[in-house]
Amino acid sequence: MGQLSLLLLALGAAGFVGTSAATAVLERHLFRLLWAVPLALGLVTLSLVMLPPGLVPVAVALALWGALNAAAP
């Protein structure tokens, strides 16, 4: 598999984890989720812009971005 395929697989798997985590937290902490997820998503997006072009840091940040993006209500 190429690097792009692995990055997309990690993005999809992280999205599944983010959706599952958000579902578990949604009923008890809706308002925290409504402000914390977009804030964290913005910080991860900025880190993606500022990271050096290496596979591992970008893969970790992209997986985190995928989990947060899927968790956004």
Protein backbone atom coordinates (compact mmCIF):
# COMPACT_ATOMS: atom_id res chain seq x y z
CA MET A 1 0.00 0.00 0.00
CA GLY A 2 1.14 3.50 -0.67
CA GLN A 3 1.50 6.22 1.92
CA LEU A 4 -1.65 7.98 0.77
CA SER A 5 -3.71 4.82 1.20
CA LEU A 6 -2.41 4.35 4.73
CA LEU A 7 -3.11 7.98 5.61
CA LEU A 8 -6.67 7.68 4.32
CA LEU A 9 -7.14 4.43 6.24
CA ALA A 10 -5.94 6.14 9.43
CA LEU A 11 -8.28 9.07 8.75
CA GLY A 12 -11.26 6.74 8.37
CA ALA A 13 -10.41 4.67 11.44
CA ALA A 14 -9.95 7.83 13.50
CA GLY A 15 -13.31 9.09 12.26
CA PHE A 16 -14.96 5.91 13.53
CA VAL A 17 -13.28 6.33 16.93
CA GLY A 18 -14.27 10.01 17.06
CA THR A 19 -17.89 9.23 16.27
CA SER A 20 -18.00 6.52 18.93
CA ALA A 21 -16.39 8.77 21.54
CA ALA A 22 -18.70 11.69 20.76
CA THR A 23 -21.75 9.46 21.04
CA ALA A 24 -20.68 8.32 24.48
CA VAL A 25 -20.05 11.89 25.69
CA LEU A 26 -22.89 13.68 23.91
CA GLU A 27 -25.71 13.29 26.42
CA ARG A 28 -23.73 14.28 29.50
CA HIS A 29 -21.50 17.03 28.10
CA LEU A 30 -23.21 18.56 25.06
CA PHE A 31 -22.19 22.16 25.67
CA ARG A 32 -18.57 21.26 26.39
CA LEU A 33 -18.52 19.25 23.18
CA LEU A 34 -19.99 22.16 21.22
CA TRP A 35 -17.16 24.53 22.11
CA ALA A 36 -14.24 22.16 22.73
CA VAL A 37 -14.35 20.17 19.50
CA PRO A 38 -14.22 23.16 17.10
CA LEU A 39 -11.48 24.76 19.21
CA ALA A 40 -9.39 21.58 19.18
CA LEU A 41 -10.10 21.12 15.47
CA GLY A 42 -8.77 24.61 14.77
CA LEU A 43 -5.62 23.93 16.80
CA VAL A 44 -4.95 20.67 14.99
CA THR A 45 -5.53 22.40 11.65
CA LEU A 46 -2.96 25.05 12.57
CA SER A 47 -0.52 22.35 13.61
CA LEU A 48 -0.98 20.64 10.23
CA VAL A 49 0.01 23.87 8.54
CA MET A 50 3.05 24.42 10.76
CA LEU A 51 4.38 20.85 10.95
CA PRO A 52 7.51 19.93 9.04
CA PRO A 53 6.81 17.72 6.03
CA GLY A 54 7.35 14.30 7.62
CA LEU A 55 5.14 11.26 7.40
CA VAL A 56 4.78 10.42 11.10
CA PRO A 57 3.90 13.89 12.48
CA VAL A 58 1.48 14.55 9.64
CA ALA A 59 -0.12 11.11 10.03
CA VAL A 60 -0.68 11.63 13.76
CA ALA A 61 -2.10 15.12 13.26
CA LEU A 62 -4.30 13.92 10.39
CA ALA A 63 -5.67 11.04 12.48
CA LEU A 64 -6.42 13.45 15.33
CA TRP A 65 -8.08 15.82 12.86
CA GLY A 66 -10.21 12.96 11.54
CA ALA A 67 -11.35 11.95 15.02
CA LEU A 68 -12.24 15.51 15.94
CA ASN A 69 -13.95 16.18 12.63
CA ALA A 70 -16.15 13.11 13.05
CA ALA A 71 -16.91 14.07 16.66
CA ALA A 72 -18.17 17.53 15.75
CA PRO A 73 -21.92 17.66 16.35
